[in-house]
Amino acid sequence: MSIWEVILAFVVVVLMLVALLANVLVLMCFLYSADIRKQVPGLFILNLTFCNLLMTVSNMPLTLAGIIYQSQPGGDQVCHVVGFLETFLTTNSMLSMAALSIDRWIAVVFPLSYHSKMRYRDAALILSYTWLHSVSFPIVAASLSWVGFHHLYASCTLYNKRPEDRTQFVIFTGVFHTLSFLLSLIVLCFTYLKVLKVARFHCKRIDVITMQTLVLLVDIHPSVRERCLEEQKRRRQRATKKISTFIGTFILCFAPYVITRLVELSSVVHINSHWGIISKCLAYSKAVSDPFVYSLLRHQYRKTWKDIINKILKRSSINSSALANESHNRNILQLSE
């Protein structure tokens, strides 16, 4: 193994460990908190967490083995199953993020009718579509034997070994990425930009009220006035940062891999194998960023995780005190004898 392959293998190991830990934490919060389970977005987050976990335990280890041994890990049947899962889980993750953006759009733009437009039944229908959409492409690819080990990405994924099927495979790959990556990106941009527009409108209204209040309060202390103006500035930036994070992480993680897959279809451009694995690692990094972007950094999940930790610590302290009392009683009995 070269130094580059050692570094890439180390990166995959780190991604695997962090993704596994972060997504398990999200799952624990979902199982522990009844409030999170009652919320409709919790279904989309649960589906996204399921995809990330399955990707972490199935695809990442085989990519790591592919980097280390520089050959197909396992037999053809194992590789076909993992390649099927890779296509299904990647598409499902993208569509789940699009579903979350639609939910936020309805909640912010149509707050009064949100509970009637986005019910559990509606969320279940959206998830049914994402699963049907996601599973259709790998079924077609598997039936045409377009799944296998790709040396450029050191992983089991979409791959055509027959030159006579090149035209059909190019059309299939273009349609697949258009209806998965591009469609999800368009939905994300449309919905979150609408949310940003509404957020900025509300910030302007709050800013007008704040400035009017500061003008009326002549005797207000300068430090209080400065704090109000700083909070006003932070309020304007908060929504922009969140939406930039949602769209930015999606593009940063998936765009290099998708572009590489499309450029690869051209026989003119030569793609370095190291770049192919790097683009694959960037796609895997979405399983690391999703738990933090959509769940763990939110107040409700932080509070739930704190409650879980406090419950564990309280139980351990009770057990330790019980053991200490038992030991103390045993010592007294020994002394009395």
Foldseek 3Di string as FASTA:
>chain_A
DDPLLVVLLVLLVVLLVLLQVLLVLLVVLCVQDPVLVQDLLSVLLVQLSVLLNCCSVQWSVQLSVCSVVVDGPDDFVSLLVSQLSVQLSLLLNLLSLLVSLVLLLCCQVVVVCSCVVRDNVNSVVSSVVSNVLSNVLSVVQVVVVQWQQDSLQSTIHGHDPDPVCLVVSLVSLVVSCCVRLVVSLVSLVVSLVSNLVSQQVVLVVVVVVLVVVPVVCPVDDVVVVVVSVVVSVCSNVVSVVLSCVSNVLSCQQQVQQSVVVNVVSDPPDDDHSSSSNVSVSSVSCCSSCSSCSPPCVDPSSVVSVVVVVVVVVVVVVVVVVVVVVVVVVVVVVVVVD
